[in-house]
Amino acid sequence: MAKEHYFDISAKLDMMEMKNAIVMAQKEVATRFDFKGVVANIDLNEKAKVLTLSSSSEQKIDALKDILISKLIKRNIASKSLEELKTEGISGGNIKVIYKIVDSIEKDEAKQIVKAIKAMKLKVTPSIQGDEVRVSGKKIDDLQAVMKEVKKLDLKAPLVFGNFK
């Protein structure tokens, strides 16, 4: 009798790696010549899952974001995990950009994943379990084909494949 194999699709984010990337970005900003004497802050509110960048101009904000994203990528965190919410002016003519940290799959995206898997017509069973999608099947090759297909989908959430058994 064949054993049932499965894996989970989620958007879990390693917050420790996120914090490490932010610290490394702050260190780089502190040593860069173009940021000397300029307001340049990167603040993480872990409970609210919000990241705030503030600086004196749009160009400095863009440079801050580039530095941060490069540090995130080095720590294997997708740049899709930051979703821009709003840009606003703050005191002293400075600008603040607020990003939401995306670390879960929304219901609509989960349904889209399940629909795409069912359209493949393989002998696998996708099921939504909270903010994860579990895919089970008898053949490992089918599950790997599903992974390959799901990676092609254009979703907001950065997908993580785990718990492969």
N, C-alpha and C. Protein backbone atom coordinates (compact mmCIF):
# COMPACT_ATOMS: atom_id res chain seq x y z
N MET A 1 0.84 -1.19 0.00
CA MET A 1 0.00 0.00 0.00
C MET A 1 0.89 1.25 0.00
N ALA A 2 0.59 2.19 -0.87
CA ALA A 2 1.41 3.39 -1.01
C ALA A 2 1.19 4.35 0.16
N LYS A 3 2.25 4.98 0.53
CA LYS A 3 2.22 5.94 1.63
C LYS A 3 1.77 7.30 1.09
N GLU A 4 1.02 8.02 1.88
CA GLU A 4 0.54 9.35 1.49
C GLU A 4 1.63 10.38 1.81
N HIS A 5 2.02 11.19 0.83
CA HIS A 5 3.01 12.24 1.00
C HIS A 5 2.29 13.59 0.99
N TYR A 6 2.91 14.59 1.60
CA TYR A 6 2.29 15.92 1.60
C TYR A 6 3.34 17.00 1.82
N PHE A 7 2.92 18.24 1.54
CA PHE A 7 3.72 19.41 1.88
C PHE A 7 2.77 20.58 2.12
N ASP A 8 3.29 21.61 2.80
CA ASP A 8 2.50 22.80 3.12
C ASP A 8 3.02 23.99 2.34
N ILE A 9 2.09 24.80 1.86
CA ILE A 9 2.43 26.06 1.22
C ILE A 9 2.01 27.16 2.19
N SER A 10 2.96 27.99 2.60
CA SER A 10 2.64 29.07 3.53
C SER A 10 3.45 30.30 3.15
N ALA A 11 3.30 31.35 3.92
CA ALA A 11 4.07 32.57 3.71
C ALA A 11 4.77 32.96 5.01
N LYS A 12 5.13 31.97 5.78
CA LYS A 12 5.77 32.22 7.07
C LYS A 12 7.08 32.99 6.87
N LEU A 13 7.35 33.87 7.81
CA LEU A 13 8.52 34.72 7.73
C LEU A 13 9.33 34.53 9.00
N ASP A 14 10.63 34.37 8.86
CA ASP A 14 11.51 34.24 10.02
C ASP A 14 11.80 35.66 10.53
N MET A 15 11.12 36.05 11.62
CA MET A 15 11.25 37.41 12.14
C MET A 15 12.66 37.68 12.66
N MET A 16 13.36 36.67 13.13
CA MET A 16 14.73 36.88 13.58
C MET A 16 15.62 37.28 12.42
N GLU A 17 15.43 36.62 11.28
CA GLU A 17 16.19 36.99 10.09
C GLU A 17 15.81 38.40 9.62
N MET A 18 14.52 38.74 9.74
CA MET A 18 14.07 40.09 9.38
C MET A 18 14.78 41.13 10.26
N LYS A 19 14.83 40.88 11.56
CA LYS A 19 15.51 41.80 12.49
C LYS A 19 16.99 41.91 12.15
N ASN A 20 17.62 40.77 11.85
CA ASN A 20 19.04 40.79 11.49
C ASN A 20 19.28 41.62 10.24
N ALA A 21 18.41 41.48 9.25
CA ALA A 21 18.55 42.25 8.01
C ALA A 21 18.39 43.75 8.29
N ILE A 22 17.47 44.11 9.18
CA ILE A 22 17.26 45.52 9.53
C ILE A 22 18.48 46.08 10.24
N VAL A 23 19.05 45.31 11.16
CA VAL A 23 20.25 45.76 11.89
C VAL A 23 21.40 45.97 10.91
N MET A 24 21.57 45.02 9.98
CA MET A 24 22.65 45.15 8.99
C MET A 24 22.42 46.38 8.09
N ALA A 25 21.18 46.64 7.72
CA ALA A 25 20.86 47.81 6.89
C ALA A 25 21.15 49.09 7.68
N GLN A 26 20.79 49.12 8.96
CA GLN A 26 21.07 50.30 9.79
C GLN A 26 22.57 50.54 9.91
N LYS A 27 23.35 49.48 10.04
CA LYS A 27 24.81 49.63 10.11
C LYS A 27 25.37 50.20 8.82
N GLU A 28 24.86 49.72 7.69
CA GLU A 28 25.34 50.22 6.40
C GLU A 28 24.98 51.69 6.22
N VAL A 29 23.76 52.07 6.61
CA VAL A 29 23.33 53.46 6.49
C VAL A 29 24.21 54.36 7.36
N ALA A 30 24.56 53.87 8.55
CA ALA A 30 25.39 54.67 9.47
C ALA A 30 26.79 54.91 8.91
N THR A 31 27.29 54.02 8.07
CA THR A 31 28.65 54.17 7.55
C THR A 31 28.70 54.80 6.15
N ARG A 32 27.58 54.96 5.49
CA ARG A 32 27.60 55.50 4.13
C ARG A 32 27.74 57.01 4.14
N PHE A 33 28.56 57.50 3.21
CA PHE A 33 28.85 58.93 3.13
C PHE A 33 27.61 59.75 2.76
N ASP A 34 26.77 59.22 1.85
CA ASP A 34 25.61 59.98 1.39
C ASP A 34 24.53 60.12 2.46
N PHE A 35 24.65 59.42 3.58
CA PHE A 35 23.68 59.54 4.66
C PHE A 35 24.25 60.31 5.87
N LYS A 36 25.47 60.87 5.76
CA LYS A 36 26.06 61.62 6.86
C LYS A 36 25.25 62.89 7.12
N GLY A 37 24.82 63.10 8.35
CA GLY A 37 24.08 64.29 8.74
C GLY A 37 22.65 64.34 8.23
N VAL A 38 22.14 63.22 7.74
CA VAL A 38 20.79 63.16 7.19
C VAL A 38 19.95 62.21 8.06
N VAL A 39 18.68 62.57 8.24
CA VAL A 39 17.78 61.68 8.97
C VAL A 39 17.53 60.44 8.11
N ALA A 40 17.82 59.27 8.67
CA ALA A 40 17.59 58.02 7.95
C ALA A 40 17.28 56.94 8.99
N ASN A 41 16.02 56.61 9.15
CA ASN A 41 15.60 55.65 10.17
C ASN A 41 14.88 54.47 9.56
N ILE A 42 15.13 53.28 10.13
CA ILE A 42 14.40 52.07 9.78
C ILE A 42 13.87 51.52 11.10
N ASP A 43 12.55 51.52 11.25
CA ASP A 43 11.94 51.08 12.50
C ASP A 43 10.99 49.91 12.25
N LEU A 44 11.08 48.89 13.09
CA LEU A 44 10.24 47.71 12.99
C LEU A 44 9.31 47.66 14.20
N ASN A 45 8.00 47.56 13.93
CA ASN A 45 7.02 47.31 14.99
C ASN A 45 6.58 45.87 14.80
N GLU A 46 7.17 44.98 15.59
CA GLU A 46 6.96 43.54 15.40
C GLU A 46 5.53 43.12 15.69
N LYS A 47 4.91 43.70 16.71
CA LYS A 47 3.54 43.32 17.07
C LYS A 47 2.54 43.70 15.99
N ALA A 48 2.68 44.91 15.45
CA ALA A 48 1.77 45.38 14.40
C ALA A 48 2.20 44.89 13.01
N LYS A 49 3.38 44.28 12.92
CA LYS A 49 3.93 43.81 11.65
C LYS A 49 4.02 44.95 10.64
N VAL A 50 4.66 46.04 11.10
CA VAL A 50 4.81 47.24 10.28
C VAL A 50 6.27 47.67 10.30
N LEU A 51 6.78 48.07 9.15
CA LEU A 51 8.13 48.58 9.01
C LEU A 51 8.04 50.01 8.50
N THR A 52 8.78 50.92 9.13
CA THR A 52 8.72 52.32 8.75
C THR A 52 10.10 52.82 8.35
N LEU A 53 10.17 53.43 7.18
CA LEU A 53 11.39 54.08 6.72
C LEU A 53 11.14 55.58 6.73
N SER A 54 12.07 56.36 7.28
CA SER A 54 11.92 57.82 7.25
C SER A 54 13.25 58.46 6.90
N SER A 55 13.17 59.50 6.07
CA SER A 55 14.36 60.22 5.65
C SER A 55 13.97 61.60 5.13
N SER A 56 14.97 62.34 4.66
CA SER A 56 14.74 63.73 4.29
C SER A 56 14.21 63.92 2.87
N SER A 57 14.34 62.93 2.00
CA SER A 57 13.87 63.09 0.63
C SER A 57 13.45 61.75 0.04
N GLU A 58 12.77 61.84 -1.10
CA GLU A 58 12.33 60.62 -1.81
C GLU A 58 13.53 59.78 -2.24
N GLN A 59 14.61 60.47 -2.70
CA GLN A 59 15.79 59.74 -3.14
C GLN A 59 16.42 58.96 -1.99
N LYS A 60 16.46 59.57 -0.81
CA LYS A 60 17.03 58.89 0.37
C LYS A 60 16.15 57.71 0.79
N ILE A 61 14.83 57.88 0.68
CA ILE A 61 13.91 56.78 0.99
C ILE A 61 14.16 55.61 0.03
N ASP A 62 14.31 55.93 -1.26
CA ASP A 62 14.58 54.89 -2.26
C ASP A 62 15.90 54.18 -1.96
N ALA A 63 16.91 54.94 -1.58
CA ALA A 63 18.21 54.35 -1.24
C ALA A 63 18.08 53.46 -0.01
N LEU A 64 17.33 53.92 1.00
CA LEU A 64 17.09 53.11 2.20
C LEU A 64 16.40 51.80 1.85
N LYS A 65 15.38 51.90 1.01
CA LYS A 65 14.64 50.70 0.61
C LYS A 65 15.55 49.73 -0.14
N ASP A 66 16.40 50.25 -1.04
CA ASP A 66 17.32 49.39 -1.79
C ASP A 66 18.29 48.67 -0.85
N ILE A 67 18.81 49.41 0.13
CA ILE A 67 19.73 48.81 1.11
C ILE A 67 19.01 47.71 1.88
N LEU A 68 17.81 48.01 2.36
CA LEU A 68 17.05 47.05 3.16
C LEU A 68 16.72 45.80 2.35
N ILE A 69 16.26 45.98 1.12
CA ILE A 69 15.88 44.83 0.29
C ILE A 69 17.11 43.97 -0.02
N SER A 70 18.25 44.60 -0.25
CA SER A 70 19.45 43.80 -0.51
C SER A 70 19.82 42.96 0.71
N LYS A 71 19.64 43.52 1.90
CA LYS A 71 19.93 42.77 3.13
C LYS A 71 18.90 41.65 3.34
N LEU A 72 17.64 41.92 3.00
CA LEU A 72 16.60 40.88 3.13
C LEU A 72 16.90 39.71 2.19
N ILE A 73 17.28 40.01 0.96
CA ILE A 73 17.55 38.96 -0.02
C ILE A 73 18.74 38.12 0.42
N LYS A 74 19.77 38.76 0.99
CA LYS A 74 20.93 38.01 1.48
C LYS A 74 20.55 37.05 2.59
N ARG A 75 19.46 37.34 3.30
CA ARG A 75 19.00 36.49 4.40
C ARG A 75 17.83 35.60 3.97
N ASN A 76 17.65 35.42 2.67
CA ASN A 76 16.61 34.55 2.09
C ASN A 76 15.19 34.97 2.46
N ILE A 77 14.95 36.27 2.50
CA ILE A 77 13.60 36.79 2.71
C ILE A 77 13.21 37.51 1.42
N ALA A 78 12.08 37.13 0.84
CA ALA A 78 11.65 37.70 -0.43
C ALA A 78 11.27 39.17 -0.27
N SER A 79 11.55 39.95 -1.31
CA SER A 79 11.20 41.37 -1.27
C SER A 79 9.68 41.56 -1.29
N LYS A 80 8.95 40.52 -1.71
CA LYS A 80 7.48 40.57 -1.70
C LYS A 80 6.93 40.63 -0.27
N SER A 81 7.76 40.34 0.72
CA SER A 81 7.27 40.33 2.09
C SER A 81 7.02 41.74 2.63
N LEU A 82 7.38 42.77 1.86
CA LEU A 82 7.07 44.15 2.23
C LEU A 82 6.06 44.72 1.26
N GLU A 83 4.94 45.18 1.79
CA GLU A 83 3.89 45.78 0.96
C GLU A 83 3.70 47.23 1.41
N GLU A 84 3.90 48.17 0.49
CA GLU A 84 3.82 49.59 0.84
C GLU A 84 2.37 49.98 1.14
N LEU A 85 2.17 50.58 2.31
CA LEU A 85 0.83 51.02 2.70
C LEU A 85 0.62 52.48 2.36
N LYS A 86 1.51 53.36 2.86
CA LYS A 86 1.32 54.78 2.57
C LYS A 86 2.62 55.56 2.75
N THR A 87 2.66 56.72 2.09
CA THR A 87 3.77 57.66 2.20
C THR A 87 3.20 58.96 2.73
N GLU A 88 3.87 59.52 3.73
CA GLU A 88 3.35 60.77 4.31
C GLU A 88 4.51 61.65 4.73
N GLY A 89 4.23 62.95 4.77
CA GLY A 89 5.21 63.90 5.25
C GLY A 89 5.19 63.97 6.77
N ILE A 90 6.36 64.14 7.36
CA ILE A 90 6.44 64.29 8.82
C ILE A 90 7.20 65.58 9.12
N SER A 91 7.36 65.91 10.37
CA SER A 91 7.95 67.19 10.78
C SER A 91 9.36 67.38 10.19
N GLY A 92 9.70 68.64 9.96
CA GLY A 92 11.02 68.97 9.45
C GLY A 92 11.18 68.73 7.96
N GLY A 93 10.08 68.56 7.23
CA GLY A 93 10.14 68.33 5.79
C GLY A 93 10.60 66.92 5.44
N ASN A 94 10.60 66.03 6.40
CA ASN A 94 11.00 64.64 6.16
C ASN A 94 9.83 63.82 5.63
N ILE A 95 10.16 62.67 5.10
CA ILE A 95 9.14 61.78 4.51
C ILE A 95 9.19 60.43 5.23
N LYS A 96 8.01 59.85 5.44
CA LYS A 96 7.92 58.55 6.09
C LYS A 96 7.11 57.61 5.18
N VAL A 97 7.66 56.41 4.98
CA VAL A 97 6.97 55.38 4.20
C VAL A 97 6.71 54.20 5.13
N ILE A 98 5.45 53.74 5.12
CA ILE A 98 5.05 52.64 6.00
C ILE A 98 4.81 51.39 5.15
N TYR A 99 5.43 50.28 5.56
CA TYR A 99 5.29 49.00 4.88
C TYR A 99 4.64 47.99 5.82
N LYS A 100 3.75 47.19 5.26
CA LYS A 100 3.16 46.08 6.00
C LYS A 100 4.00 44.85 5.71
N ILE A 101 4.28 44.07 6.75
CA ILE A 101 5.04 42.84 6.57
C ILE A 101 4.05 41.72 6.26
N VAL A 102 4.19 41.14 5.07
CA VAL A 102 3.29 40.09 4.61
C VAL A 102 3.85 38.75 5.05
N ASP A 103 3.14 38.08 5.96
CA ASP A 103 3.63 36.78 6.44
C ASP A 103 2.52 35.74 6.52
N SER A 104 1.48 35.93 5.73
CA SER A 104 0.42 34.92 5.67
C SER A 104 -0.25 34.98 4.30
N ILE A 105 -0.86 33.87 3.93
CA ILE A 105 -1.58 33.79 2.66
C ILE A 105 -3.03 34.18 2.92
N GLU A 106 -3.53 35.15 2.18
CA GLU A 106 -4.92 35.56 2.33
C GLU A 106 -5.85 34.50 1.74
N LYS A 107 -7.11 34.53 2.16
CA LYS A 107 -8.09 33.53 1.71
C LYS A 107 -8.22 33.49 0.19
N ASP A 108 -8.26 34.68 -0.43
CA ASP A 108 -8.41 34.74 -1.89
C ASP A 108 -7.22 34.09 -2.60
N GLU A 109 -6.02 34.35 -2.09
CA GLU A 109 -4.83 33.76 -2.69
C GLU A 109 -4.81 32.24 -2.46
N ALA A 110 -5.25 31.81 -1.28
CA ALA A 110 -5.31 30.37 -0.99
C ALA A 110 -6.27 29.68 -1.97
N LYS A 111 -7.42 30.32 -2.21
CA LYS A 111 -8.38 29.76 -3.16
C LYS A 111 -7.80 29.71 -4.57
N GLN A 112 -7.04 30.74 -4.93
CA GLN A 112 -6.40 30.79 -6.24
C GLN A 112 -5.38 29.66 -6.38
N ILE A 113 -4.63 29.40 -5.32
CA ILE A 113 -3.64 28.30 -5.34
C ILE A 113 -4.35 26.96 -5.51
N VAL A 114 -5.43 26.75 -4.74
CA VAL A 114 -6.18 25.49 -4.82
C VAL A 114 -6.76 25.30 -6.22
N LYS A 115 -7.29 26.39 -6.79
CA LYS A 115 -7.88 26.32 -8.13
C LYS A 115 -6.82 25.95 -9.17
N ALA A 116 -5.63 26.54 -9.05
CA ALA A 116 -4.55 26.24 -10.00
C ALA A 116 -4.09 24.80 -9.86
N ILE A 117 -4.05 24.28 -8.63
CA ILE A 117 -3.63 22.89 -8.42
C ILE A 117 -4.66 21.93 -9.00
N LYS A 118 -5.95 22.22 -8.79
CA LYS A 118 -6.99 21.34 -9.33
C LYS A 118 -7.01 21.37 -10.85
N ALA A 119 -6.63 22.52 -11.44
CA ALA A 119 -6.61 22.63 -12.90
C ALA A 119 -5.51 21.78 -13.53
N MET A 120 -4.54 21.37 -12.73
CA MET A 120 -3.44 20.53 -13.24
C MET A 120 -3.89 19.09 -13.49
N LYS A 121 -5.02 18.71 -12.91
CA LYS A 121 -5.61 17.38 -13.08
C LYS A 121 -4.65 16.25 -12.66
N LEU A 122 -3.91 16.48 -11.59
CA LEU A 122 -3.05 15.44 -11.02
C LEU A 122 -3.78 14.78 -9.86
N LYS A 123 -3.28 13.63 -9.43
CA LYS A 123 -3.92 12.94 -8.31
C LYS A 123 -3.34 13.46 -6.99
N VAL A 124 -3.64 14.73 -6.71
CA VAL A 124 -3.25 15.37 -5.45
C VAL A 124 -4.48 16.05 -4.87
N THR A 125 -4.44 16.25 -3.56
CA THR A 125 -5.56 16.87 -2.88
C THR A 125 -5.10 18.12 -2.14
N PRO A 126 -5.48 19.32 -2.63
CA PRO A 126 -5.15 20.54 -1.90
C PRO A 126 -6.25 20.87 -0.89
N SER A 127 -5.85 21.35 0.28
CA SER A 127 -6.84 21.77 1.27
C SER A 127 -6.32 23.00 2.01
N ILE A 128 -7.22 23.94 2.27
CA ILE A 128 -6.86 25.16 2.98
C ILE A 128 -6.97 24.90 4.48
N GLN A 129 -5.87 25.16 5.19
CA GLN A 129 -5.84 24.97 6.64
C GLN A 129 -5.36 26.27 7.28
N GLY A 130 -6.29 27.14 7.60
CA GLY A 130 -5.94 28.45 8.18
C GLY A 130 -5.23 29.30 7.15
N ASP A 131 -3.99 29.69 7.44
CA ASP A 131 -3.23 30.50 6.49
C ASP A 131 -2.21 29.66 5.72
N GLU A 132 -2.48 28.35 5.62
CA GLU A 132 -1.64 27.45 4.86
C GLU A 132 -2.49 26.64 3.88
N VAL A 133 -1.84 26.12 2.86
CA VAL A 133 -2.49 25.19 1.94
C VAL A 133 -1.69 23.89 2.00
N ARG A 134 -2.35 22.81 2.37
CA ARG A 134 -1.69 21.50 2.41
C ARG A 134 -2.05 20.74 1.15
N VAL A 135 -1.03 20.18 0.51
CA VAL A 135 -1.22 19.40 -0.70
C VAL A 135 -0.73 17.98 -0.40
N SER A 136 -1.61 17.00 -0.61
CA SER A 136 -1.21 15.61 -0.35
C SER A 136 -1.46 14.76 -1.58
N GLY A 137 -0.66 13.72 -1.72
CA GLY A 137 -0.78 12.81 -2.84
C GLY A 137 0.11 11.60 -2.64
N LYS A 138 -0.10 10.60 -3.45
CA LYS A 138 0.67 9.36 -3.32
C LYS A 138 2.04 9.44 -3.99
N LYS A 139 2.16 10.23 -5.07
CA LYS A 139 3.42 10.30 -5.82
C LYS A 139 4.16 11.59 -5.49
N ILE A 140 5.43 11.44 -5.15
CA ILE A 140 6.28 12.60 -4.86
C ILE A 140 6.46 13.44 -6.12
N ASP A 141 6.53 12.80 -7.28
CA ASP A 141 6.70 13.53 -8.54
C ASP A 141 5.53 14.48 -8.79
N ASP A 142 4.31 14.05 -8.46
CA ASP A 142 3.14 14.92 -8.62
C ASP A 142 3.25 16.13 -7.70
N LEU A 143 3.69 15.90 -6.46
CA LEU A 143 3.82 17.00 -5.51
C LEU A 143 4.89 17.99 -5.98
N GLN A 144 5.98 17.50 -6.53
CA GLN A 144 7.02 18.38 -7.05
C GLN A 144 6.52 19.17 -8.26
N ALA A 145 5.70 18.56 -9.09
CA ALA A 145 5.10 19.27 -10.23
C ALA A 145 4.19 20.38 -9.74
N VAL A 146 3.45 20.11 -8.65
CA VAL A 146 2.57 21.13 -8.07
C VAL A 146 3.41 22.30 -7.55
N MET A 147 4.51 22.00 -6.87
CA MET A 147 5.39 23.07 -6.37
C MET A 147 5.88 23.96 -7.51
N LYS A 148 6.29 23.32 -8.58
CA LYS A 148 6.81 24.05 -9.73
C LYS A 148 5.73 24.96 -10.33
N GLU A 149 4.52 24.44 -10.42
CA GLU A 149 3.41 25.21 -10.99
C GLU A 149 2.99 26.37 -10.08
N VAL A 150 2.95 26.13 -8.78
CA VAL A 150 2.53 27.17 -7.83
C VAL A 150 3.55 28.30 -7.79
N LYS A 151 4.83 28.00 -7.98
CA LYS A 151 5.86 29.04 -8.01
C LYS A 151 5.63 30.01 -9.16
N LYS A 152 5.00 29.55 -10.23
CA LYS A 152 4.74 30.40 -11.40
C LYS A 152 3.61 31.39 -11.18
N LEU A 153 2.74 31.13 -10.18
CA LEU A 153 1.61 32.02 -9.93
C LEU A 153 2.09 33.39 -9.48
N ASP A 154 1.38 34.43 -9.88
CA ASP A 154 1.72 35.79 -9.48
C ASP A 154 0.89 36.16 -8.25
N LEU A 155 1.46 35.94 -7.08
CA LEU A 155 0.76 36.21 -5.83
C LEU A 155 1.48 37.29 -5.04
N LYS A 156 0.73 37.97 -4.16
CA LYS A 156 1.33 39.00 -3.30
C LYS A 156 2.21 38.37 -2.23
N ALA A 157 1.77 37.26 -1.67
CA ALA A 157 2.49 36.63 -0.56
C ALA A 157 3.74 35.91 -1.06
N PRO A 158 4.85 36.02 -0.32
CA PRO A 158 6.05 35.24 -0.66
C PRO A 158 5.87 33.81 -0.18
N LEU A 159 5.79 32.86 -1.09
CA LEU A 159 5.45 31.48 -0.72
C LEU A 159 6.65 30.71 -0.19
N VAL A 160 6.37 29.89 0.82
CA VAL A 160 7.38 29.02 1.41
C VAL A 160 6.80 27.60 1.38
N PHE A 161 7.59 26.67 0.85
CA PHE A 161 7.17 25.28 0.81
C PHE A 161 7.87 24.55 1.94
N GLY A 162 7.10 23.94 2.82
CA GLY A 162 7.72 23.27 3.95
C GLY A 162 6.98 22.01 4.33
N ASN A 163 7.52 21.34 5.33
CA ASN A 163 6.89 20.16 5.90
C ASN A 163 6.71 19.05 4.87
N PHE A 164 7.67 18.91 3.97
CA PHE A 164 7.58 17.92 2.89
C PHE A 164 7.83 16.53 3.47
N LYS A 165 6.81 15.69 3.45
CA LYS A 165 6.95 14.34 4.01
C LYS A 165 6.31 13.33 3.08
